[in-house]
N, C-alpha and C. Protein backbone atom coordinates (compact mmCIF):
# COMPACT_ATOMS: atom_id res chain seq x y z
N MET A 1 4.79 7.02 -16.27
CA MET A 1 5.27 6.35 -15.18
C MET A 1 6.81 7.74 -14.74
N ARG A 2 6.48 7.73 -13.48
CA ARG A 2 7.70 8.94 -12.87
C ARG A 2 9.15 8.41 -12.82
N ASP A 3 9.62 9.49 -12.39
CA ASP A 3 11.10 9.08 -12.38
C ASP A 3 11.38 9.03 -10.74
N ARG A 4 11.41 7.73 -10.94
CA ARG A 4 11.92 7.52 -9.09
C ARG A 4 11.77 6.15 -8.64
N LYS A 5 12.43 5.87 -8.07
CA LYS A 5 12.30 3.92 -8.06
C LYS A 5 10.99 3.73 -7.34
N GLN A 6 10.80 2.06 -6.41
CA GLN A 6 9.57 2.12 -5.79
C GLN A 6 10.00 2.07 -4.51
N GLY A 7 9.17 2.42 -3.66
CA GLY A 7 10.03 2.95 -2.19
C GLY A 7 10.44 4.24 -2.13
N ASP A 8 10.41 4.89 -2.84
CA ASP A 8 10.70 6.67 -2.86
C ASP A 8 9.63 6.86 -2.66
N ASP A 9 9.61 7.48 -1.33
CA ASP A 9 8.41 8.19 -0.83
C ASP A 9 7.80 9.99 -1.52
N THR A 10 8.98 10.11 -2.13
CA THR A 10 9.21 11.70 -2.81
C THR A 10 7.39 12.29 -3.60
N GLY A 11 6.55 11.18 -4.04
CA GLY A 11 5.10 11.27 -4.63
C GLY A 11 4.40 11.95 -3.20
N ASP A 12 3.17 11.98 -4.10
CA ASP A 12 2.27 12.44 -3.48
C ASP A 12 1.49 11.79 -2.23
N THR A 13 1.78 12.56 -1.25
CA THR A 13 1.18 11.13 0.08
C THR A 13 0.27 12.53 1.11
N GLY A 14 -0.65 11.40 1.96
CA GLY A 14 -1.56 12.23 2.83
C GLY A 14 -1.60 11.87 3.92
N LYS A 15 -2.41 12.82 4.94
CA LYS A 15 -2.22 12.36 6.38
C LYS A 15 -3.72 12.60 6.88
N LYS A 16 -4.57 11.72 7.06
CA LYS A 16 -5.72 11.52 8.40
C LYS A 16 -5.96 11.55 9.29
N SER A 17 -6.55 12.12 9.98
CA SER A 17 -6.84 11.35 11.70
C SER A 17 -7.92 11.69 11.68
N ASP A 18 -8.54 9.85 13.22
CA ASP A 18 -9.77 10.36 13.03
C ASP A 18 -9.94 9.31 14.38
N ALA A 19 -11.07 9.10 14.90
CA ALA A 19 -11.30 8.29 15.76
C ALA A 19 -10.95 7.21 16.01
N ALA A 20 -10.73 6.57 14.55
CA ALA A 20 -10.54 4.93 14.35
C ALA A 20 -9.31 5.17 14.86
N GLY A 21 -8.27 5.94 14.13
CA GLY A 21 -7.03 5.92 13.96
C GLY A 21 -6.11 7.33 12.44
N GLU A 22 -5.09 7.30 12.38
CA GLU A 22 -4.28 7.91 11.09
C GLU A 22 -4.48 6.95 10.29
N THR A 23 -4.87 7.57 8.50
CA THR A 23 -4.67 7.47 7.64
C THR A 23 -3.56 7.59 6.61
N VAL A 24 -2.72 7.00 6.20
CA VAL A 24 -1.82 7.72 5.19
C VAL A 24 -1.75 7.09 4.32
N ARG A 25 -2.02 8.50 2.53
CA ARG A 25 -2.18 7.76 1.83
C ARG A 25 -0.91 7.90 0.91
N PHE A 26 -0.45 6.81 -0.18
CA PHE A 26 0.60 7.39 -1.18
C PHE A 26 0.26 7.26 -2.03
N GLU A 27 0.14 8.19 -3.04
CA GLU A 27 -0.60 8.00 -4.14
C GLU A 27 0.46 8.26 -5.58
N HIS A 28 1.55 7.65 -5.81
CA HIS A 28 2.64 7.85 -6.42
C HIS A 28 2.89 6.71 -7.53
N TYR A 29 2.06 5.41 -6.99
CA TYR A 29 2.63 4.11 -7.78
C TYR A 29 1.91 4.24 -9.25
N ASP A 30 2.84 3.67 -10.21
CA ASP A 30 2.24 3.06 -11.13
C ASP A 30 2.16 1.33 -11.46
N TRP A 31 1.42 0.96 -12.10
CA TRP A 31 1.63 -0.37 -11.67
C TRP A 31 1.41 -1.04 -12.76
N ASP A 32 1.26 -0.29 -13.79
CA ASP A 32 1.51 -0.80 -15.38
C ASP A 32 2.96 -0.55 -15.36
N GLY A 33 3.71 0.16 -14.66
CA GLY A 33 5.42 0.38 -14.71
C GLY A 33 6.15 -0.44 -14.08
N ASP A 34 7.11 -0.24 -13.12
CA ASP A 34 7.88 -0.50 -12.46
C ASP A 34 7.19 -0.95 -11.00
N ASP A 35 6.18 -0.34 -10.28
CA ASP A 35 6.12 -0.70 -9.14
C ASP A 35 5.17 -1.89 -9.13
N THR A 36 5.47 -2.49 -8.16
CA THR A 36 4.13 -3.73 -7.82
C THR A 36 4.03 -3.67 -6.42
N PRO A 37 2.28 -3.81 -6.87
CA PRO A 37 1.68 -3.60 -5.35
C PRO A 37 2.13 -4.96 -4.12
N SER A 38 3.04 -6.48 -4.57
CA SER A 38 3.20 -6.76 -3.08
C SER A 38 4.25 -6.35 -2.31
N ILE A 39 5.37 -5.61 -3.10
CA ILE A 39 6.21 -5.03 -2.56
C ILE A 39 6.01 -3.48 -1.81
N ALA A 40 5.60 -2.95 -2.89
CA ALA A 40 4.90 -1.44 -2.44
C ALA A 40 3.88 -1.52 -1.09
N VAL A 41 2.73 -2.29 -0.90
CA VAL A 41 2.46 -2.80 0.37
C VAL A 41 3.61 -2.73 2.13
N PRO A 42 4.11 -3.55 1.26
CA PRO A 42 5.29 -3.71 3.34
C PRO A 42 5.78 -2.34 3.51
N GLU A 43 6.47 -2.08 2.38
CA GLU A 43 7.43 -0.93 2.35
C GLU A 43 6.31 0.22 2.65
N ALA A 44 5.21 0.65 2.58
CA ALA A 44 4.29 1.62 3.19
C ALA A 44 3.87 1.29 4.29
N VAL A 45 3.60 0.23 4.72
CA VAL A 45 3.03 -0.18 6.02
C VAL A 45 4.46 -0.54 6.87
N ALA A 46 5.84 -0.41 6.37
CA ALA A 46 6.90 -0.33 7.41
C ALA A 46 7.36 1.27 7.74
N ALA A 47 6.88 2.16 6.68
CA ALA A 47 7.30 3.47 6.52
C ALA A 47 5.91 3.81 8.08
N VAL A 48 4.85 3.91 7.67
CA VAL A 48 3.50 3.86 8.27
C VAL A 48 4.04 3.82 9.46
N THR A 49 4.51 2.70 10.23
CA THR A 49 4.68 2.11 11.43
C THR A 49 5.90 2.19 12.07
N ASN A 50 7.11 2.76 11.40
CA ASN A 50 8.25 3.39 12.18
C ASN A 50 9.10 1.74 12.15
N ARG A 51 8.93 0.90 11.53
CA ARG A 51 9.44 -0.33 11.47
C ARG A 51 10.48 -1.23 10.10
N GLY A 52 11.32 -1.26 10.05
CA GLY A 52 11.98 -2.07 8.83
C GLY A 52 11.11 -3.15 8.14
N VAL A 53 11.50 -2.95 6.77
CA VAL A 53 10.40 -3.99 6.31
C VAL A 53 10.30 -5.32 6.43
N THR A 54 11.53 -6.17 7.13
CA THR A 54 12.21 -7.21 7.61
C THR A 54 11.85 -7.74 9.00
N ALA A 55 10.76 -6.59 9.45
CA ALA A 55 10.54 -6.38 11.39
C ALA A 55 8.70 -6.81 11.05
N ILE A 56 8.08 -6.66 9.86
CA ILE A 56 7.09 -7.35 9.68
C ILE A 56 6.54 -8.02 9.36
N PRO A 57 5.62 -9.46 9.59
CA PRO A 57 5.48 -10.79 8.46
C PRO A 57 5.81 -10.30 7.18
N PRO A 58 5.51 -11.57 7.14
CA PRO A 58 5.41 -11.48 5.16
C PRO A 58 4.29 -11.03 4.43
N LEU A 59 4.18 -10.78 3.63
CA LEU A 59 2.93 -10.09 2.69
C LEU A 59 1.90 -11.80 2.50
N GLN A 60 2.71 -12.33 2.11
CA GLN A 60 2.43 -13.74 1.86
C GLN A 60 1.64 -14.50 2.91
N ASP A 61 1.88 -14.30 4.06
CA ASP A 61 0.68 -14.70 5.10
C ASP A 61 -0.06 -14.35 5.70
N VAL A 62 -0.65 -13.25 4.84
CA VAL A 62 -2.33 -12.65 5.20
C VAL A 62 -2.89 -12.72 3.53
N ILE A 63 -2.41 -12.54 2.42
CA ILE A 63 -3.00 -12.25 1.10
C ILE A 63 -1.73 -12.84 0.25
N ASP A 64 -2.43 -13.76 -1.13
CA ASP A 64 -1.79 -13.83 -1.74
C ASP A 64 -0.96 -13.37 -2.66
N ALA A 65 0.10 -13.13 -2.68
CA ALA A 65 0.65 -11.74 -3.56
C ALA A 65 0.87 -11.27 -4.64
N ASP A 66 0.56 -12.63 -5.45
CA ASP A 66 1.30 -12.73 -7.06
C ASP A 66 -0.49 -12.45 -7.72
N ALA A 67 -1.50 -12.89 -6.57
CA ALA A 67 -3.44 -12.93 -7.07
C ALA A 67 -3.57 -10.94 -6.82
N LEU A 68 -2.90 -10.46 -5.65
CA LEU A 68 -2.86 -8.94 -5.45
C LEU A 68 -2.51 -8.00 -6.54
N ASN A 69 -0.66 -8.49 -7.07
CA ASN A 69 -0.39 -8.09 -8.12
C ASN A 69 -1.86 -7.84 -9.14
N ALA A 70 -2.11 -9.31 -10.25
CA ALA A 70 -2.96 -9.53 -10.97
C ALA A 70 -3.76 -8.24 -10.42
N MET A 71 -4.60 -8.84 -9.52
CA MET A 71 -6.09 -7.85 -9.26
C MET A 71 -5.95 -6.30 -9.74
N VAL A 72 -4.59 -6.14 -8.61
CA VAL A 72 -4.49 -4.65 -9.33
C VAL A 72 -3.91 -4.13 -10.69
N ARG A 73 -3.29 -5.27 -10.80
CA ARG A 73 -3.07 -4.62 -12.34
C ARG A 73 -4.08 -4.65 -13.62
N SER A 74 -4.84 -5.57 -13.12
CA SER A 74 -5.68 -6.33 -14.34
C SER A 74 -7.31 -4.40 -14.36
N GLY A 75 -7.81 -5.34 -15.49
CA GLY A 75 -8.95 -4.33 -15.28
C GLY A 75 -9.09 -2.65 -15.48
N ASP A 76 -10.42 -2.40 -15.44
CA ASP A 76 -10.10 -0.74 -15.15
C ASP A 76 -9.71 -0.51 -13.82
N PRO A 77 -8.81 0.54 -14.01
CA PRO A 77 -8.13 0.95 -12.77
C PRO A 77 -9.19 1.30 -11.69
N SER A 78 -9.95 2.42 -12.12
CA SER A 78 -10.92 3.04 -10.85
C SER A 78 -11.89 1.79 -10.52
N ALA A 79 -12.17 0.69 -11.11
CA ALA A 79 -12.92 -0.17 -10.33
C ALA A 79 -12.18 -1.04 -9.55
N VAL A 80 -10.75 -0.70 -9.14
CA VAL A 80 -10.05 -1.82 -8.64
C VAL A 80 -10.01 -1.57 -7.04
N ARG A 81 -10.57 -2.20 -6.21
CA ARG A 81 -10.13 -1.24 -4.76
C ARG A 81 -10.26 -2.87 -3.47
N VAL A 82 -8.75 -3.04 -3.13
CA VAL A 82 -8.85 -4.29 -2.29
C VAL A 82 -8.36 -3.69 -1.15
N SER A 83 -8.82 -4.08 0.00
CA SER A 83 -8.97 -3.80 1.59
C SER A 83 -8.51 -5.06 2.27
N PHE A 84 -7.62 -5.49 3.05
CA PHE A 84 -7.05 -6.07 4.10
C PHE A 84 -6.46 -5.96 5.38
N ALA A 85 -6.56 -6.07 6.41
CA ALA A 85 -5.64 -6.41 7.54
C ALA A 85 -4.30 -6.85 7.59
N TYR A 86 -3.19 -5.92 7.78
CA TYR A 86 -1.94 -6.41 7.25
C TYR A 86 -1.22 -5.85 8.58
N ALA A 87 -0.07 -6.50 9.69
CA ALA A 87 0.64 -6.47 10.31
C ALA A 87 0.24 -4.78 11.30
N GLY A 88 -1.04 -5.48 11.58
CA GLY A 88 -1.84 -4.03 12.95
C GLY A 88 -2.20 -3.29 12.22
N THR A 89 -2.13 -3.10 10.43
CA THR A 89 -3.11 -2.11 10.09
C THR A 89 -4.31 -2.21 9.39
N GLU A 90 -4.73 -1.00 9.04
CA GLU A 90 -5.91 -1.49 7.31
C GLU A 90 -5.30 -1.26 6.02
N VAL A 91 -4.88 -1.87 4.91
CA VAL A 91 -4.54 -1.92 3.92
C VAL A 91 -5.46 -1.80 2.93
N THR A 92 -5.82 -0.13 2.13
CA THR A 92 -6.45 -0.43 0.92
C THR A 92 -5.50 -0.04 -0.44
N ILE A 93 -5.78 -0.67 -1.02
CA ILE A 93 -4.96 -0.54 -2.50
C ILE A 93 -5.76 0.03 -3.53
N THR A 94 -5.32 0.10 -4.59
CA THR A 94 -6.35 1.06 -5.66
C THR A 94 -5.66 0.43 -7.17
N GLY A 95 -6.11 0.57 -7.75
CA GLY A 95 -5.57 -0.07 -9.34
C GLY A 95 -4.89 1.38 -9.93
N THR A 96 -5.58 2.65 -9.21
CA THR A 96 -5.24 4.23 -9.89
C THR A 96 -3.84 4.42 -9.24
N GLY A 97 -2.95 3.18 -8.57
CA GLY A 97 -1.92 4.23 -7.74
C GLY A 97 -1.89 4.19 -6.57
N ARG A 98 -2.70 4.07 -5.83
CA ARG A 98 -2.93 4.61 -4.31
C ARG A 98 -2.80 3.54 -3.62
N VAL A 99 -2.15 4.00 -2.38
CA VAL A 99 -1.94 2.34 -1.15
C VAL A 99 -2.33 3.87 0.29
N GLU A 100 -3.40 3.18 0.71
CA GLU A 100 -4.25 3.57 2.26
C GLU A 100 -2.87 2.90 2.94
N ILE A 101 -2.56 3.18 3.77
CA ILE A 101 -2.51 2.93 5.26
C ILE A 101 -3.10 3.27 6.32
N THR A 102 -4.00 2.81 7.07
CA THR A 102 -4.95 3.05 8.43
C THR A 102 -4.38 2.41 10.09
N THR A 103 -4.00 3.22 10.39
CA THR A 103 -3.43 2.63 11.85
C THR A 103 -4.14 2.62 13.07
N ASP A 104 -4.46 1.97 13.83
CA ASP A 104 -5.31 1.93 15.66
C ASP A 104 -4.51 3.02 15.81
N ARG A 105 -5.57 3.97 16.14
CA ARG A 105 -5.27 4.54 17.29
C ARG A 105 -4.97 4.54 18.80
N SER A 106 -5.51 3.03 18.91
CA SER A 106 -5.08 3.01 20.41
C SER A 106 -3.63 2.24 20.98
């Protein structure tokens, strides 16, 4: 586990732009430690879209947050990959600690 609190964006991040939009990757989450997928996703989406966490819809409106937490933390981390639309973005979360947020370029 890294010495940081959840929501601390000081870890490895990357950006990639293409015709479809921009993808920002956060690769510093420890799902076996204190990090929680259902908290990390809204924080990452808020950061990428320059909105406050309270300005975006609750994650529970689009996906079962408890099921997301359980799925990402279960099984072989390299085999877990979940994608869904949320707050005007496409979110991909992996069992290895990566959260990718893709925004529409339009």
